[in-house]
Amino acid sequence: MFNQPNPAPRYWKALVVTTVFLVPMALVFRAFAHMPDAVWAVLSIGAALVIAWGVHARMQNDWRASGTMAARTFDSRTTVARNVQIKER
């Protein structure tokens, strides 16, 4: 329950979201570009993988930063400064 790692975002989820938005755009642009189907498929797959990798990397960095900031806030609120003497009652 305690001290478990935070869940991290998955690459396949970023790839699915990227593909959902990239496929309609690719179909529209394919109507205007005059390239062979094999070249068009390779470029579309490559673009989806690169964009998904960028989204995934950004999500991981943001996820780690939020956890770090929460830990620093907790530490700053619960720690005692140096050379502080607490009187006993």
N, C-alpha and C. Protein backbone atom coordinates (compact mmCIF):
# COMPACT_ATOMS: atom_id res chain seq x y z
N MET A 1 0.82 -1.18 0.00
CA MET A 1 0.00 0.00 0.00
C MET A 1 0.86 1.25 0.00
N PHE A 2 1.90 1.26 0.84
CA PHE A 2 2.78 2.42 0.90
C PHE A 2 4.07 2.11 0.14
N ASN A 3 4.75 3.16 -0.28
CA ASN A 3 6.04 3.07 -0.97
C ASN A 3 5.97 2.25 -2.25
N GLN A 4 4.88 2.32 -2.95
CA GLN A 4 4.79 1.68 -4.25
C GLN A 4 5.07 2.72 -5.32
N PRO A 5 5.70 2.29 -6.41
CA PRO A 5 6.01 3.27 -7.46
C PRO A 5 4.73 3.79 -8.13
N ASN A 6 4.81 5.03 -8.57
CA ASN A 6 3.68 5.62 -9.28
C ASN A 6 3.48 4.92 -10.62
N PRO A 7 2.25 4.75 -11.06
CA PRO A 7 2.05 4.14 -12.38
C PRO A 7 2.57 5.07 -13.47
N ALA A 8 3.24 4.50 -14.43
CA ALA A 8 3.83 5.28 -15.52
C ALA A 8 2.97 5.14 -16.78
N PRO A 9 2.97 6.16 -17.63
CA PRO A 9 2.22 6.06 -18.88
C PRO A 9 2.84 5.02 -19.81
N ARG A 10 2.02 4.40 -20.62
CA ARG A 10 2.47 3.35 -21.53
C ARG A 10 2.63 3.89 -22.95
N TYR A 11 3.61 3.33 -23.66
CA TYR A 11 3.88 3.78 -25.03
C TYR A 11 2.73 3.43 -25.97
N TRP A 12 2.14 2.26 -25.80
CA TRP A 12 1.10 1.82 -26.73
C TRP A 12 -0.12 2.74 -26.65
N LYS A 13 -0.39 3.32 -25.48
CA LYS A 13 -1.51 4.25 -25.38
C LYS A 13 -1.24 5.52 -26.19
N ALA A 14 -0.01 6.01 -26.13
CA ALA A 14 0.35 7.18 -26.92
C ALA A 14 0.30 6.85 -28.41
N LEU A 15 0.67 5.62 -28.77
CA LEU A 15 0.62 5.22 -30.18
C LEU A 15 -0.82 5.13 -30.68
N VAL A 16 -1.72 4.64 -29.85
CA VAL A 16 -3.13 4.55 -30.26
C VAL A 16 -3.72 5.94 -30.47
N VAL A 17 -3.45 6.84 -29.54
CA VAL A 17 -3.98 8.21 -29.66
C VAL A 17 -3.40 8.89 -30.90
N THR A 18 -2.11 8.72 -31.13
CA THR A 18 -1.47 9.32 -32.31
C THR A 18 -2.06 8.74 -33.59
N THR A 19 -2.28 7.44 -33.62
CA THR A 19 -2.82 6.80 -34.82
C THR A 19 -4.24 7.27 -35.11
N VAL A 20 -5.04 7.43 -34.06
CA VAL A 20 -6.42 7.88 -34.25
C VAL A 20 -6.46 9.26 -34.91
N PHE A 21 -5.55 10.12 -34.53
CA PHE A 21 -5.54 11.46 -35.12
C PHE A 21 -4.76 11.52 -36.43
N LEU A 22 -3.80 10.61 -36.62
CA LEU A 22 -2.95 10.69 -37.80
C LEU A 22 -3.57 10.01 -39.02
N VAL A 23 -4.35 8.97 -38.84
CA VAL A 23 -4.92 8.23 -39.98
C VAL A 23 -5.83 9.11 -40.84
N PRO A 24 -6.79 9.85 -40.28
CA PRO A 24 -7.61 10.71 -41.16
C PRO A 24 -6.79 11.78 -41.88
N MET A 25 -5.81 12.33 -41.18
CA MET A 25 -4.97 13.34 -41.83
C MET A 25 -4.16 12.72 -42.97
N ALA A 26 -3.65 11.51 -42.74
CA ALA A 26 -2.87 10.84 -43.77
C ALA A 26 -3.72 10.52 -45.00
N LEU A 27 -4.97 10.13 -44.77
CA LEU A 27 -5.85 9.83 -45.91
C LEU A 27 -6.17 11.09 -46.72
N VAL A 28 -6.34 12.20 -46.04
CA VAL A 28 -6.61 13.45 -46.76
C VAL A 28 -5.38 13.89 -47.54
N PHE A 29 -4.22 13.83 -46.94
CA PHE A 29 -3.00 14.24 -47.64
C PHE A 29 -2.65 13.28 -48.77
N ARG A 30 -3.01 12.01 -48.64
CA ARG A 30 -2.72 11.02 -49.68
C ARG A 30 -3.49 11.35 -50.96
N ALA A 31 -4.64 11.95 -50.82
CA ALA A 31 -5.42 12.30 -52.01
C ALA A 31 -4.72 13.36 -52.85
N PHE A 32 -3.89 14.19 -52.21
CA PHE A 32 -3.22 15.27 -52.93
C PHE A 32 -1.80 14.93 -53.34
N ALA A 33 -1.18 13.96 -52.68
CA ALA A 33 0.20 13.59 -53.00
C ALA A 33 0.21 12.44 -54.00
N HIS A 34 1.12 12.50 -54.92
CA HIS A 34 1.23 11.46 -55.94
C HIS A 34 2.50 10.66 -55.67
N MET A 35 2.38 9.70 -54.73
CA MET A 35 3.50 8.83 -54.38
C MET A 35 3.02 7.38 -54.45
N PRO A 36 3.95 6.46 -54.60
CA PRO A 36 3.56 5.05 -54.55
C PRO A 36 3.01 4.68 -53.17
N ASP A 37 2.16 3.66 -53.13
CA ASP A 37 1.53 3.27 -51.87
C ASP A 37 2.54 2.80 -50.83
N ALA A 38 3.60 2.10 -51.26
CA ALA A 38 4.59 1.60 -50.31
C ALA A 38 5.33 2.75 -49.62
N VAL A 39 5.70 3.75 -50.38
CA VAL A 39 6.39 4.92 -49.80
C VAL A 39 5.45 5.64 -48.84
N TRP A 40 4.20 5.80 -49.23
CA TRP A 40 3.23 6.49 -48.38
C TRP A 40 3.01 5.73 -47.07
N ALA A 41 2.95 4.40 -47.13
CA ALA A 41 2.75 3.58 -45.93
C ALA A 41 3.94 3.69 -44.99
N VAL A 42 5.14 3.63 -45.53
CA VAL A 42 6.34 3.73 -44.70
C VAL A 42 6.42 5.10 -44.03
N LEU A 43 6.14 6.15 -44.76
CA LEU A 43 6.17 7.50 -44.18
C LEU A 43 5.10 7.67 -43.10
N SER A 44 3.92 7.13 -43.32
CA SER A 44 2.85 7.25 -42.33
C SER A 44 3.17 6.48 -41.05
N ILE A 45 3.68 5.26 -41.22
CA ILE A 45 4.04 4.46 -40.04
C ILE A 45 5.19 5.12 -39.28
N GLY A 46 6.18 5.60 -40.00
CA GLY A 46 7.31 6.28 -39.35
C GLY A 46 6.87 7.53 -38.61
N ALA A 47 5.99 8.30 -39.21
CA ALA A 47 5.51 9.51 -38.55
C ALA A 47 4.72 9.17 -37.29
N ALA A 48 3.91 8.12 -37.36
CA ALA A 48 3.13 7.72 -36.17
C ALA A 48 4.05 7.28 -35.05
N LEU A 49 5.08 6.51 -35.35
CA LEU A 49 6.01 6.05 -34.32
C LEU A 49 6.79 7.20 -33.69
N VAL A 50 7.24 8.13 -34.52
CA VAL A 50 8.03 9.26 -34.01
C VAL A 50 7.16 10.19 -33.15
N ILE A 51 5.97 10.49 -33.61
CA ILE A 51 5.08 11.37 -32.83
C ILE A 51 4.67 10.70 -31.53
N ALA A 52 4.38 9.40 -31.57
CA ALA A 52 4.01 8.68 -30.35
C ALA A 52 5.17 8.64 -29.36
N TRP A 53 6.38 8.49 -29.86
CA TRP A 53 7.55 8.49 -28.98
C TRP A 53 7.70 9.86 -28.31
N GLY A 54 7.49 10.93 -29.05
CA GLY A 54 7.59 12.28 -28.47
C GLY A 54 6.51 12.52 -27.42
N VAL A 55 5.29 12.08 -27.69
CA VAL A 55 4.21 12.24 -26.72
C VAL A 55 4.50 11.42 -25.47
N HIS A 56 4.97 10.20 -25.66
CA HIS A 56 5.28 9.33 -24.53
C HIS A 56 6.40 9.90 -23.67
N ALA A 57 7.44 10.41 -24.30
CA ALA A 57 8.56 11.00 -23.56
C ALA A 57 8.10 12.21 -22.76
N ARG A 58 7.26 13.04 -23.36
CA ARG A 58 6.77 14.21 -22.64
C ARG A 58 5.88 13.82 -21.46
N MET A 59 5.05 12.79 -21.64
CA MET A 59 4.18 12.33 -20.55
C MET A 59 5.01 11.77 -19.41
N GLN A 60 6.06 11.03 -19.72
CA GLN A 60 6.90 10.48 -18.66
C GLN A 60 7.60 11.59 -17.89
N ASN A 61 8.13 12.58 -18.59
CA ASN A 61 8.82 13.67 -17.90
C ASN A 61 7.85 14.47 -17.04
N ASP A 62 6.65 14.75 -17.53
CA ASP A 62 5.68 15.49 -16.74
C ASP A 62 5.24 14.68 -15.53
N TRP A 63 5.09 13.36 -15.71
CA TRP A 63 4.65 12.50 -14.62
C TRP A 63 5.70 12.49 -13.51
N ARG A 64 6.96 12.39 -13.88
CA ARG A 64 8.03 12.38 -12.87
C ARG A 64 8.14 13.72 -12.17
N ALA A 65 7.98 14.80 -12.89
CA ALA A 65 8.09 16.12 -12.29
C ALA A 65 6.99 16.36 -11.27
N SER A 66 5.78 15.91 -11.55
CA SER A 66 4.69 16.13 -10.60
C SER A 66 4.93 15.35 -9.32
N GLY A 67 5.47 14.14 -9.42
CA GLY A 67 5.77 13.37 -8.23
C GLY A 67 6.89 14.00 -7.41
N THR A 68 7.89 14.53 -8.12
CA THR A 68 9.01 15.18 -7.44
C THR A 68 8.54 16.44 -6.72
N MET A 69 7.69 17.21 -7.38
CA MET A 69 7.22 18.44 -6.75
C MET A 69 6.37 18.12 -5.52
N ALA A 70 5.56 17.08 -5.58
CA ALA A 70 4.75 16.71 -4.42
C ALA A 70 5.64 16.27 -3.28
N ALA A 71 6.71 15.53 -3.57
CA ALA A 71 7.63 15.09 -2.52
C ALA A 71 8.35 16.28 -1.91
N ARG A 72 8.77 17.23 -2.74
CA ARG A 72 9.47 18.41 -2.20
C ARG A 72 8.54 19.26 -1.35
N THR A 73 7.30 19.39 -1.76
CA THR A 73 6.34 20.15 -0.97
C THR A 73 6.11 19.47 0.37
N PHE A 74 5.97 18.15 0.38
CA PHE A 74 5.77 17.42 1.62
C PHE A 74 6.99 17.56 2.52
N ASP A 75 8.19 17.45 1.95
CA ASP A 75 9.40 17.58 2.75
C ASP A 75 9.54 18.98 3.34
N SER A 76 9.22 19.99 2.56
CA SER A 76 9.36 21.36 3.07
C SER A 76 8.35 21.66 4.18
N ARG A 77 7.20 21.01 4.14
CA ARG A 77 6.19 21.25 5.18
C ARG A 77 6.43 20.44 6.44
N THR A 78 7.16 19.35 6.35
CA THR A 78 7.30 18.47 7.50
C THR A 78 8.69 18.45 8.11
N THR A 79 9.65 19.13 7.53
CA THR A 79 11.00 19.11 8.09
C THR A 79 11.20 20.30 9.03
N VAL A 80 12.20 20.15 9.85
CA VAL A 80 12.55 21.20 10.81
C VAL A 80 13.87 21.80 10.38
N ALA A 81 14.00 23.10 10.49
CA ALA A 81 15.23 23.77 10.09
C ALA A 81 16.39 23.37 11.01
N ARG A 82 17.60 23.66 10.55
CA ARG A 82 18.78 23.33 11.35
C ARG A 82 18.86 24.23 12.59
N ASN A 83 19.50 23.69 13.61
CA ASN A 83 19.76 24.41 14.87
C ASN A 83 18.49 24.92 15.54
N VAL A 84 17.45 24.15 15.48
CA VAL A 84 16.21 24.49 16.14
C VAL A 84 16.10 23.64 17.39
N GLN A 85 15.87 24.29 18.50
CA GLN A 85 15.74 23.55 19.75
C GLN A 85 14.27 23.53 20.14
N ILE A 86 13.76 22.34 20.37
CA ILE A 86 12.38 22.17 20.75
C ILE A 86 12.35 21.90 22.25
N LYS A 87 11.66 22.76 22.98
CA LYS A 87 11.61 22.61 24.43
C LYS A 87 10.65 21.48 24.81
N GLU A 88 11.07 20.73 25.79
CA GLU A 88 10.23 19.67 26.29
C GLU A 88 9.28 20.24 27.32
N ARG A 89 8.11 19.68 27.43
CA ARG A 89 7.14 20.17 28.41
C ARG A 89 7.26 19.44 29.71
